[in-house]
């Protein structure tokens, strides 16, 4: 399944509920899932990580749909040629960037 198909599937499956909940409520669920992903990465096994990664992705896609963002097009435009900052792949500007925590 590609990103565009995932966004269509999530919209068809959860769109009504997402619209009723609204952006703020959906964002709250997204943030909660990110917290669960954090715990899975630090303390749990691979199967739980897979589940939490997919939950985070689904909630992100729901938010994009509510905000009328075509994720596949956005990703293609922003990352289709490599790093959005330097345009290279692999990135050449990352060598000078500070390490993320």
N, C-alpha and C. Protein backbone atom coordinates (compact mmCIF):
# COMPACT_ATOMS: atom_id res chain seq x y z
N UNK A 1 0.85 -1.18 0.00
CA UNK A 1 0.00 0.00 0.00
C UNK A 1 0.89 1.23 0.00
N UNK A 2 0.65 2.15 -0.92
CA UNK A 2 1.44 3.38 -0.93
C UNK A 2 0.74 4.44 -0.06
N UNK A 3 1.40 5.57 0.12
CA UNK A 3 0.91 6.61 1.02
C UNK A 3 -0.43 7.18 0.57
N UNK A 4 -0.61 7.39 -0.73
CA UNK A 4 -1.87 7.92 -1.24
C UNK A 4 -3.01 6.94 -0.97
N UNK A 5 -2.76 5.66 -1.19
CA UNK A 5 -3.78 4.65 -0.93
C UNK A 5 -4.09 4.56 0.56
N UNK A 6 -3.07 4.67 1.39
CA UNK A 6 -3.30 4.67 2.84
C UNK A 6 -4.17 5.85 3.24
N UNK A 7 -3.90 7.02 2.70
CA UNK A 7 -4.70 8.20 3.06
C UNK A 7 -6.15 8.01 2.62
N UNK A 8 -6.37 7.46 1.45
CA UNK A 8 -7.75 7.19 1.00
C UNK A 8 -8.43 6.16 1.90
N UNK A 9 -7.70 5.12 2.26
CA UNK A 9 -8.26 4.06 3.11
C UNK A 9 -8.61 4.60 4.49
N UNK A 10 -7.72 5.36 5.08
CA UNK A 10 -7.98 5.93 6.41
C UNK A 10 -9.17 6.88 6.34
N UNK A 11 -9.25 7.69 5.29
CA UNK A 11 -10.38 8.62 5.15
C UNK A 11 -11.69 7.86 5.00
N UNK A 12 -11.69 6.79 4.22
CA UNK A 12 -12.91 6.01 4.03
C UNK A 12 -13.31 5.28 5.32
N UNK A 13 -12.32 4.83 6.07
CA UNK A 13 -12.58 4.04 7.27
C UNK A 13 -12.94 4.91 8.47
N UNK A 14 -12.23 6.02 8.67
CA UNK A 14 -12.38 6.82 9.88
C UNK A 14 -12.78 8.27 9.64
N UNK A 15 -12.98 8.65 8.39
CA UNK A 15 -13.22 10.05 8.06
C UNK A 15 -14.36 10.70 8.82
N UNK A 16 -15.49 10.02 8.91
CA UNK A 16 -16.65 10.59 9.62
C UNK A 16 -16.30 10.84 11.08
N UNK A 17 -15.72 9.83 11.73
CA UNK A 17 -15.33 9.97 13.12
C UNK A 17 -14.30 11.07 13.32
N UNK A 18 -13.33 11.14 12.41
CA UNK A 18 -12.29 12.16 12.51
C UNK A 18 -12.89 13.55 12.39
N UNK A 19 -13.81 13.74 11.46
CA UNK A 19 -14.44 15.05 11.29
C UNK A 19 -15.25 15.43 12.52
N UNK A 20 -15.95 14.46 13.10
CA UNK A 20 -16.72 14.73 14.32
C UNK A 20 -15.79 15.10 15.48
N UNK A 21 -14.65 14.44 15.58
CA UNK A 21 -13.69 14.69 16.65
C UNK A 21 -12.98 16.02 16.42
N UNK A 22 -12.73 16.35 15.17
CA UNK A 22 -12.05 17.59 14.82
C UNK A 22 -10.54 17.47 14.89
N UNK A 23 -9.88 18.53 14.43
CA UNK A 23 -8.42 18.55 14.37
C UNK A 23 -7.82 18.47 15.77
N UNK A 24 -8.33 19.27 16.71
CA UNK A 24 -7.74 19.28 18.05
C UNK A 24 -7.85 17.92 18.73
N UNK A 25 -9.01 17.30 18.67
CA UNK A 25 -9.19 15.99 19.29
C UNK A 25 -8.34 14.93 18.61
N UNK A 26 -8.27 14.99 17.30
CA UNK A 26 -7.46 14.01 16.56
C UNK A 26 -5.98 14.22 16.86
N UNK A 27 -5.57 15.47 16.97
CA UNK A 27 -4.18 15.74 17.32
C UNK A 27 -3.85 15.18 18.70
N UNK A 28 -4.79 15.29 19.63
CA UNK A 28 -4.58 14.72 20.96
C UNK A 28 -4.35 13.22 20.91
N UNK A 29 -5.13 12.51 20.10
CA UNK A 29 -4.93 11.07 19.93
C UNK A 29 -3.58 10.78 19.29
N UNK A 30 -3.20 11.59 18.31
CA UNK A 30 -1.90 11.42 17.65
C UNK A 30 -0.77 11.54 18.68
N UNK A 31 -0.82 12.57 19.50
CA UNK A 31 0.22 12.78 20.51
C UNK A 31 0.26 11.62 21.50
N UNK A 32 -0.90 11.12 21.88
CA UNK A 32 -0.94 9.96 22.78
C UNK A 32 -0.26 8.75 22.14
N UNK A 33 -0.52 8.54 20.86
CA UNK A 33 0.11 7.42 20.15
C UNK A 33 1.62 7.60 20.04
N UNK A 34 2.08 8.83 19.87
CA UNK A 34 3.52 9.08 19.84
C UNK A 34 4.15 8.70 21.19
N UNK A 35 3.45 9.01 22.27
CA UNK A 35 3.93 8.59 23.59
C UNK A 35 4.01 7.08 23.71
N UNK A 36 2.99 6.38 23.19
CA UNK A 36 3.01 4.92 23.22
C UNK A 36 4.15 4.37 22.37
N UNK A 37 4.43 5.02 21.24
CA UNK A 37 5.55 4.61 20.40
C UNK A 37 6.87 4.80 21.15
N UNK A 38 6.99 5.91 21.86
CA UNK A 38 8.20 6.16 22.64
C UNK A 38 8.44 5.05 23.65
N UNK A 39 7.39 4.64 24.35
CA UNK A 39 7.53 3.55 25.33
C UNK A 39 7.89 2.24 24.63
N UNK A 40 7.26 1.99 23.49
CA UNK A 40 7.55 0.74 22.76
C UNK A 40 9.00 0.69 22.30
N UNK A 41 9.52 1.81 21.83
CA UNK A 41 10.91 1.86 21.36
C UNK A 41 11.87 1.60 22.52
N UNK A 42 11.57 2.18 23.66
CA UNK A 42 12.48 2.07 24.79
C UNK A 42 12.34 0.79 25.60
N UNK A 43 11.12 0.23 25.66
CA UNK A 43 10.90 -0.84 26.63
C UNK A 43 10.26 -2.10 26.10
N UNK A 44 9.85 -2.12 24.85
CA UNK A 44 9.07 -3.27 24.38
C UNK A 44 9.73 -3.93 23.18
N UNK A 45 9.13 -5.02 22.75
CA UNK A 45 9.68 -5.80 21.65
C UNK A 45 9.26 -5.28 20.28
N UNK A 46 9.75 -5.96 19.28
CA UNK A 46 9.54 -5.56 17.89
C UNK A 46 8.05 -5.52 17.50
N UNK A 47 7.29 -6.52 17.90
CA UNK A 47 5.87 -6.57 17.53
C UNK A 47 5.12 -5.36 18.06
N UNK A 48 5.41 -4.96 19.29
CA UNK A 48 4.75 -3.77 19.86
C UNK A 48 5.20 -2.51 19.13
N UNK A 49 6.47 -2.45 18.75
CA UNK A 49 6.97 -1.29 18.00
C UNK A 49 6.25 -1.17 16.66
N UNK A 50 6.11 -2.30 15.98
CA UNK A 50 5.41 -2.29 14.69
C UNK A 50 3.99 -1.76 14.87
N UNK A 51 3.29 -2.25 15.88
CA UNK A 51 1.92 -1.80 16.14
C UNK A 51 1.88 -0.29 16.40
N UNK A 52 2.78 0.20 17.21
CA UNK A 52 2.77 1.63 17.56
C UNK A 52 3.19 2.51 16.38
N UNK A 53 4.17 2.06 15.59
CA UNK A 53 4.52 2.83 14.38
C UNK A 53 3.32 2.97 13.46
N UNK A 54 2.58 1.88 13.26
CA UNK A 54 1.43 1.95 12.36
C UNK A 54 0.31 2.80 12.95
N UNK A 55 0.14 2.77 14.27
CA UNK A 55 -0.86 3.64 14.89
C UNK A 55 -0.51 5.11 14.70
N UNK A 56 0.76 5.45 14.92
CA UNK A 56 1.21 6.83 14.74
C UNK A 56 0.99 7.27 13.29
N UNK A 57 1.35 6.41 12.36
CA UNK A 57 1.17 6.74 10.95
C UNK A 57 -0.31 6.95 10.62
N UNK A 58 -1.18 6.09 11.12
CA UNK A 58 -2.61 6.22 10.84
C UNK A 58 -3.17 7.53 11.39
N UNK A 59 -2.78 7.89 12.61
CA UNK A 59 -3.26 9.15 13.18
C UNK A 59 -2.68 10.35 12.44
N UNK A 60 -1.43 10.27 11.99
CA UNK A 60 -0.84 11.35 11.20
C UNK A 60 -1.60 11.52 9.89
N UNK A 61 -1.93 10.41 9.25
CA UNK A 61 -2.69 10.45 8.00
C UNK A 61 -4.08 11.05 8.24
N UNK A 62 -4.71 10.69 9.35
CA UNK A 62 -6.02 11.27 9.69
C UNK A 62 -5.91 12.78 9.83
N UNK A 63 -4.88 13.24 10.53
CA UNK A 63 -4.67 14.69 10.67
C UNK A 63 -4.46 15.37 9.33
N UNK A 64 -3.65 14.76 8.49
CA UNK A 64 -3.40 15.33 7.16
C UNK A 64 -4.70 15.45 6.38
N UNK A 65 -5.52 14.41 6.44
CA UNK A 65 -6.80 14.44 5.74
C UNK A 65 -7.69 15.56 6.27
N UNK A 66 -7.76 15.69 7.60
CA UNK A 66 -8.57 16.77 8.20
C UNK A 66 -8.07 18.15 7.80
N UNK A 67 -6.75 18.27 7.64
CA UNK A 67 -6.14 19.56 7.28
C UNK A 67 -6.00 19.74 5.77
N UNK A 68 -6.59 18.82 5.01
CA UNK A 68 -6.58 18.86 3.55
C UNK A 68 -5.17 18.88 2.97
N UNK A 69 -4.30 18.05 3.53
CA UNK A 69 -2.93 17.90 3.05
C UNK A 69 -2.83 16.55 2.35
N UNK A 70 -2.47 16.55 1.09
CA UNK A 70 -2.21 15.33 0.34
C UNK A 70 -0.78 14.90 0.69
N UNK A 71 -0.68 13.93 1.61
CA UNK A 71 0.65 13.54 2.09
C UNK A 71 1.56 13.02 0.99
N UNK A 72 1.04 12.22 0.08
CA UNK A 72 1.88 11.67 -0.98
C UNK A 72 2.47 12.80 -1.83
N UNK A 73 1.66 13.76 -2.19
CA UNK A 73 2.15 14.89 -2.98
C UNK A 73 3.13 15.74 -2.18
N UNK A 74 2.84 15.94 -0.90
CA UNK A 74 3.73 16.75 -0.06
C UNK A 74 5.09 16.09 0.10
N UNK A 75 5.09 14.78 0.32
CA UNK A 75 6.35 14.06 0.48
C UNK A 75 7.14 14.07 -0.83
N UNK A 76 6.44 13.86 -1.93
CA UNK A 76 7.10 13.89 -3.24
C UNK A 76 7.75 15.25 -3.49
N UNK A 77 7.01 16.31 -3.19
CA UNK A 77 7.51 17.66 -3.42
C UNK A 77 8.69 18.00 -2.49
N UNK A 78 8.56 17.63 -1.24
CA UNK A 78 9.57 18.01 -0.25
C UNK A 78 10.80 17.11 -0.26
N UNK A 79 10.62 15.80 -0.44
CA UNK A 79 11.73 14.86 -0.33
C UNK A 79 12.03 14.08 -1.61
N UNK A 80 11.33 14.36 -2.68
CA UNK A 80 11.48 13.61 -3.92
C UNK A 80 12.86 13.67 -4.53
N UNK A 81 13.60 14.72 -4.25
CA UNK A 81 14.95 14.86 -4.82
C UNK A 81 16.03 14.65 -3.78
N UNK A 82 15.67 14.19 -2.61
CA UNK A 82 16.64 14.01 -1.53
C UNK A 82 16.38 15.00 -0.42
N UNK A 83 17.43 15.43 0.21
CA UNK A 83 17.33 16.37 1.32
C UNK A 83 16.68 17.67 0.85
N UNK A 84 15.63 18.15 1.52
CA UNK A 84 15.00 19.39 1.09
C UNK A 84 15.89 20.62 1.28
N UNK A 85 16.93 20.49 2.10
CA UNK A 85 17.82 21.61 2.34
C UNK A 85 18.93 21.70 1.30
N UNK A 86 19.64 20.59 1.08
CA UNK A 86 20.78 20.61 0.16
C UNK A 86 20.47 19.96 -1.19
N UNK A 87 19.37 19.21 -1.25
CA UNK A 87 18.98 18.55 -2.49
C UNK A 87 19.74 17.27 -2.79
N UNK A 88 20.65 16.88 -1.94
CA UNK A 88 21.47 15.70 -2.19
C UNK A 88 20.89 14.46 -1.50
N UNK A 89 21.28 13.31 -2.05
CA UNK A 89 20.94 12.03 -1.43
C UNK A 89 22.12 11.09 -1.62
N UNK A 90 22.86 10.75 -0.58
CA UNK A 90 22.59 11.10 0.81
C UNK A 90 22.85 12.59 1.08
N UNK A 91 22.24 13.06 2.14
CA UNK A 91 22.34 14.46 2.53
C UNK A 91 23.79 14.84 2.80
N UNK A 92 24.18 15.99 2.28
CA UNK A 92 25.53 16.49 2.54
C UNK A 92 25.56 17.57 3.61
N UNK A 93 24.41 18.12 3.95
CA UNK A 93 24.39 19.18 4.97
C UNK A 93 24.30 18.60 6.36
N UNK A 94 23.92 17.33 6.50
CA UNK A 94 23.76 16.72 7.83
C UNK A 94 25.08 16.63 8.58
N UNK A 95 26.18 16.60 7.86
CA UNK A 95 27.49 16.51 8.53
C UNK A 95 27.74 17.70 9.44
N UNK A 96 27.17 18.86 9.07
CA UNK A 96 27.41 20.09 9.83
C UNK A 96 26.33 20.34 10.88
N UNK A 97 25.27 19.56 10.86
CA UNK A 97 24.16 19.77 11.79
C UNK A 97 24.48 19.12 13.14
N UNK A 98 23.98 19.74 14.21
CA UNK A 98 24.19 19.09 15.52
C UNK A 98 23.38 17.80 15.59
N UNK A 99 23.84 16.87 16.41
CA UNK A 99 23.14 15.60 16.58
C UNK A 99 21.84 15.81 17.31
N UNK A 100 20.80 15.08 16.89
CA UNK A 100 19.53 15.15 17.58
C UNK A 100 19.56 14.25 18.80
N UNK A 101 18.85 14.66 19.85
CA UNK A 101 18.81 13.81 21.06
C UNK A 101 18.07 12.52 20.82
